[in-house]
Protein backbone atom coordinates (compact mmCIF):
# COMPACT_ATOMS: atom_id res chain seq x y z
CA MET A 1 21.35 29.03 -44.44
CA LYS A 2 22.87 25.90 -43.01
CA ASN A 3 21.41 24.23 -39.97
CA LYS A 4 23.66 24.40 -36.99
CA PRO A 5 24.61 20.99 -35.66
CA ARG A 6 22.83 20.15 -32.46
CA ALA A 7 24.93 20.27 -29.38
CA HIS A 8 24.98 16.98 -27.57
CA PRO A 9 24.23 17.14 -23.87
CA PRO A 10 27.33 16.69 -21.77
CA LEU A 11 28.12 13.14 -20.80
CA TYR A 12 28.38 12.66 -17.07
CA ARG A 13 29.57 9.74 -15.03
CA VAL A 14 28.47 8.84 -11.55
CA THR A 15 31.59 8.39 -9.47
CA ALA A 16 30.14 7.65 -6.01
CA PHE A 17 26.94 7.60 -3.98
CA GLU A 18 25.74 7.12 -0.44
CA VAL A 19 22.35 6.44 1.11
CA VAL A 20 21.40 9.55 3.13
CA ALA A 21 17.76 8.76 4.00
CA PRO A 22 15.06 6.26 3.02
CA TYR A 23 14.82 6.39 -0.80
CA ALA A 24 17.36 9.24 -0.95
CA LEU A 25 20.91 9.12 -2.25
CA ARG A 26 23.73 11.62 -2.44
CA VAL A 27 25.20 11.11 -5.91
CA GLU A 28 28.61 12.43 -6.98
CA PHE A 29 29.63 13.07 -10.60
CA ASP A 30 32.88 13.23 -12.52
CA ASP A 31 32.58 17.02 -12.93
CA GLY A 32 32.95 17.44 -9.16
CA THR A 33 29.28 18.17 -8.49
CA ALA A 34 26.93 16.23 -6.22
CA GLN A 35 23.18 15.92 -6.03
CA VAL A 36 20.95 14.67 -3.20
CA ILE A 37 18.07 12.86 -4.90
CA ASP A 38 14.84 11.77 -3.23
CA PHE A 39 13.56 8.95 -5.46
CA GLU A 40 10.39 8.22 -3.48
CA PRO A 41 8.02 10.41 -5.58
CA ILE A 42 8.79 8.45 -8.73
CA LEU A 43 8.81 4.87 -7.42
CA CYS A 44 5.90 3.55 -9.50
CA GLY A 45 5.49 1.25 -12.47
CA ASN A 46 7.12 -1.98 -13.52
CA TRP A 47 10.72 -0.76 -13.23
CA PHE A 48 10.71 1.62 -10.32
CA GLY A 49 7.68 0.38 -8.34
CA PRO A 50 9.54 -2.61 -6.87
CA LEU A 51 12.06 -0.18 -5.39
CA ARG A 52 9.39 0.88 -2.88
CA ASP A 53 10.71 -2.14 -0.99
CA LEU A 54 13.41 -0.30 0.94
CA ALA A 55 15.57 -3.42 1.21
CA LEU A 56 15.63 -3.66 -2.60
CA PHE A 57 16.16 0.09 -3.01
CA ASN A 58 19.19 -0.07 -0.71
CA GLN A 59 20.81 -2.71 -2.93
CA VAL A 60 21.70 0.02 -5.43
CA ARG A 61 25.18 -0.25 -6.89
CA LEU A 62 27.42 1.75 -9.17
CA ASP A 63 27.80 0.11 -12.57
CA SER A 64 31.42 0.46 -13.61
CA GLU A 65 30.68 0.08 -17.34
CA VAL A 66 27.96 2.69 -17.80
CA HIS A 67 28.87 4.77 -14.74
CA THR A 68 25.38 5.06 -13.31
CA LEU A 69 23.26 3.69 -10.49
CA VAL A 70 21.69 0.27 -11.06
CA TRP A 71 19.35 -1.81 -8.89
CA PRO A 72 19.03 -5.62 -8.80
CA ASN A 73 15.85 -5.46 -10.92
CA ASP A 74 17.87 -3.62 -13.64
CA ALA A 75 16.20 -0.26 -12.97
CA ASP A 76 18.58 2.58 -13.71
CA PHE A 77 18.79 6.22 -14.83
CA GLU A 78 20.94 7.98 -17.38
CA PRO A 79 23.76 9.76 -15.56
CA ALA A 80 22.70 13.05 -17.24
CA THR A 81 19.21 12.65 -15.76
CA LEU A 82 20.68 12.14 -12.30
CA HIS A 83 23.05 15.08 -12.78
CA ASP A 84 20.22 17.43 -13.77
CA TRP A 85 17.56 15.85 -11.55
CA PRO A 86 15.71 19.10 -10.73
CA LEU A 87 15.22 19.77 -14.45
CA HIS A 88 13.71 16.31 -15.02
CA LEU A 89 11.72 15.90 -11.80
CA ALA A 90 8.40 17.33 -13.06
CA GLU A 91 8.37 14.98 -16.06
CA LEU A 92 9.43 12.01 -13.93
CA LYS A 93 6.60 12.72 -11.46
CA ALA A 94 4.10 12.97 -14.35
CA ARG A 95 5.30 9.60 -15.65
CA ALA A 96 5.05 8.14 -12.15
CA ARG A 97 1.41 9.28 -11.93
CA ARG A 98 0.68 7.56 -15.26
CA TRP A 99 2.47 4.41 -14.07
CA ALA A 100 0.52 4.47 -10.78
CA LYS A 101 -2.75 4.86 -12.68
CA THR A 102 -1.83 1.88 -14.86
CA GLU A 103 -1.04 -0.18 -11.74
CA ILE A 104 -4.44 0.68 -10.25
CA GLU A 105 -6.19 -0.21 -13.50
CA ASP A 106 -4.32 -3.52 -13.62
CA ASP A 107 -5.32 -4.21 -10.02
CA TRP A 108 -8.98 -3.52 -10.87
CA VAL A 109 -8.79 -5.94 -13.79
CA SER A 110 -7.41 -8.59 -11.41
CA VAL A 111 -10.18 -7.91 -8.90
CA LYS A 112 -12.85 -8.21 -11.62
CA ARG A 113 -11.35 -11.51 -12.81
CA MET A 114 -11.31 -12.84 -9.25
CA GLU A 115 -14.93 -11.77 -8.73
CA ALA A 116 -15.93 -13.54 -11.96
CA THR A 117 -14.06 -16.68 -10.89
CA LEU A 118 -15.73 -16.68 -7.48
CA ALA A 119 -19.14 -16.14 -9.07
CA GLN A 120 -18.53 -19.04 -11.45
CA TYR A 121 -17.13 -21.53 -8.94
CA GLY A 122 -18.94 -20.59 -5.77
CA PRO A 123 -17.91 -19.18 -2.45
CA PHE A 124 -14.81 -20.21 -0.57
CA LYS A 125 -15.03 -21.33 3.04
CA SER A 126 -12.47 -22.13 5.68
CA LEU A 127 -11.37 -25.75 5.88
CA ALA A 128 -12.83 -25.89 9.39
CA ASP A 129 -16.26 -24.87 8.06
CA LEU A 130 -15.97 -27.33 5.18
CA ALA A 131 -14.96 -30.14 7.56
CA LYS A 132 -18.14 -29.52 9.57
CA GLN A 133 -20.31 -29.14 6.47
CA GLU A 134 -18.96 -32.23 4.73
CA GLN A 135 -18.46 -34.21 7.94
CA VAL A 136 -14.84 -34.88 7.05
CA PRO A 137 -11.99 -34.66 9.56
CA LEU A 138 -10.29 -31.28 9.40
CA SER A 139 -6.91 -33.03 9.46
CA THR A 140 -7.84 -34.86 6.22
CA LEU A 141 -8.67 -31.60 4.45
CA ALA A 142 -5.60 -29.80 5.80
CA GLN A 143 -3.31 -32.62 4.69
CA ALA A 144 -4.89 -32.64 1.22
CA ALA A 145 -4.44 -28.86 0.93
CA ARG A 146 -0.78 -29.06 2.00
CA GLU A 147 -0.11 -31.87 -0.48
CA GLY A 148 -1.82 -30.00 -3.32
CA ARG A 149 -4.58 -32.59 -3.74
CA LEU A 150 -7.19 -30.00 -2.79
CA PRO A 151 -7.20 -26.65 -4.60
CA ALA A 152 -7.11 -24.31 -1.64
CA VAL A 153 -5.86 -20.82 -0.91
CA ALA A 154 -3.39 -20.41 1.95
CA LEU A 155 -4.19 -17.43 4.16
CA PRO A 156 -1.60 -15.20 5.82
CA THR A 157 -3.02 -16.31 9.18
CA GLY A 158 -1.99 -19.89 8.44
CA GLY A 159 -5.46 -21.17 7.60
CA TRP A 160 -6.82 -22.36 4.28
CA MET A 161 -9.89 -21.60 2.17
CA ALA A 162 -11.47 -23.92 -0.41
CA ARG A 163 -14.78 -24.62 -2.14
CA ALA A 164 -17.12 -27.38 -1.03
CA SER A 165 -17.38 -28.63 -4.61
CA ALA A 166 -13.59 -28.95 -4.71
CA VAL A 167 -13.67 -31.11 -1.59
CA LYS A 168 -16.24 -33.44 -3.12
CA ASN A 169 -14.77 -33.54 -6.63
CA ARG A 170 -11.06 -33.73 -5.85
CA LEU A 171 -11.07 -35.98 -2.83
CA GLY A 172 -13.95 -38.18 -3.85
CA LEU A 173 -15.68 -37.49 -0.57
CA ARG A 174 -19.40 -37.44 -0.25
CA SER A 175 -21.51 -36.14 2.56
CA PRO A 176 -22.76 -39.05 4.59
CA ARG A 177 -26.25 -40.02 3.59
CA ALA A 178 -28.48 -42.83 4.64
CA ARG A 179 -27.52 -45.82 2.59
CA PRO A 180 -30.34 -47.71 0.95
CA LYS A 181 -31.01 -51.03 2.55
CA ARG A 182 -30.02 -54.03 0.59
CA THR A 183 -32.66 -56.47 -0.19
CA VAL A 184 -31.55 -60.01 -0.03
CA ARG A 185 -33.02 -62.28 -2.56
CA GLY A 186 -33.15 -65.79 -1.69
């Protein structure tokens, strides 16, 4: 008995789309059908995670060569997947959960690396605290941080954090100490 040739899934083309809600598009196909697709549940991972930024998501465009939706970060879907979205949604959500889990694991690895770095190099303090501790003008430290001469972390509040050892080592500053008296030999 001969094997029957496999039937290829129909090829669809996206012909138009419109944004109908945050993360949702109404997509029209060349067979005259349309689908409203809520993408939010699957926006995870390297490709689709960045689309959680609504401004980026809304930059979707219709690619005239492959006849599908494409975003500026090159994320896209096969037109057949978009056409039959309800049939693929469960699998896409399962993949999104795996992608989200991977993102969380990657974040934990980053946190552990940062903790190890902080443990190795000591605690960070604000530049204001370091200026007091090292008896150095705050303006000197701030200027050095802005110029990149002092390894410091800029905070969202506009302040900076650095290590005391970095202040001493990079700027050649020393805490003031009593200088030994010179003896004059005659």
